[in-house]
Amino acid sequence: ADNFTLTIVPNDQADQPDSQVVGHCANDTHKILYTRTSSGNAPANTSPAQDGSSAEPQ
């Protein structure tokens, strides 16, 4: 399944690769970007360390 992110950025940073402007806010000084992310690299799919320590291999 695909996931997505919504990111609020200043107008001068709205030109992001693979992103689509879907709205604006803050009196039209910021854009809302919609970005599709594959499930393979979404942060929510990484396994968290159970004891709160670093999940990186030793």
Protein backbone atom coordinates (compact mmCIF):
# COMPACT_ATOMS: atom_id res chain seq x y z
CA ALA A 1 0.00 0.00 0.00
CA ASP A 2 1.13 3.54 -0.67
CA ASN A 3 1.33 6.23 1.97
CA PHE A 4 1.57 9.98 1.70
CA THR A 5 2.85 12.98 3.60
CA LEU A 6 1.59 16.53 3.85
CA THR A 7 4.27 19.14 4.39
CA ILE A 8 3.89 22.88 4.99
CA VAL A 9 6.71 24.88 3.44
CA PRO A 10 7.37 28.56 2.66
CA ASN A 11 6.34 29.63 -0.83
CA ASP A 12 9.95 29.81 -2.02
CA GLN A 13 10.48 26.14 -1.11
CA ALA A 14 7.30 24.78 -2.70
CA ASP A 15 9.09 23.40 -5.79
CA GLN A 16 9.85 19.92 -4.44
CA PRO A 17 10.41 16.82 -6.60
CA ASP A 18 7.53 14.32 -6.63
CA SER A 19 5.32 16.75 -4.69
CA GLN A 20 2.08 18.49 -5.58
CA VAL A 21 0.84 21.76 -4.07
CA VAL A 22 -2.62 21.02 -2.68
CA GLY A 23 -3.28 24.18 -0.69
CA HIS A 24 -1.92 27.22 1.06
CA CYS A 25 -2.07 28.71 4.53
CA ALA A 26 -0.68 31.48 6.75
CA ASN A 27 -2.23 34.22 4.60
CA ASP A 28 -0.88 32.56 1.43
CA THR A 29 2.75 32.70 2.59
CA HIS A 30 3.09 28.90 2.88
CA LYS A 31 2.14 26.02 0.59
CA ILE A 32 0.85 22.59 1.56
CA LEU A 33 2.64 19.83 -0.36
CA TYR A 34 1.24 16.34 -0.96
CA THR A 35 3.90 13.70 -1.50
CA ARG A 36 3.23 10.01 -2.13
CA THR A 37 5.68 7.69 -0.40
CA SER A 38 6.06 3.98 -1.02
CA SER A 39 5.53 1.73 1.98
CA GLY A 40 9.12 0.51 1.68
CA ASN A 41 10.74 3.73 2.83
CA ALA A 42 8.08 5.26 5.08
CA PRO A 43 9.42 5.99 8.58
CA ALA A 44 6.37 4.31 10.16
CA ASN A 45 7.50 0.96 8.75
CA THR A 46 10.85 0.87 10.53
CA SER A 47 10.91 -1.37 13.57
CA PRO A 48 11.47 0.67 16.74
CA ALA A 49 13.89 -0.51 19.40
CA GLN A 50 11.87 -2.06 22.22
CA ASP A 51 13.99 -0.64 25.04
CA GLY A 52 14.29 2.86 23.59
CA SER A 53 17.95 2.45 22.63
CA SER A 54 19.30 2.99 19.14
CA ALA A 55 17.93 0.59 16.54
CA GLU A 56 21.22 0.61 14.60
CA PRO A 57 23.20 -2.64 14.55
CA GLN A 58 26.16 -2.82 16.90
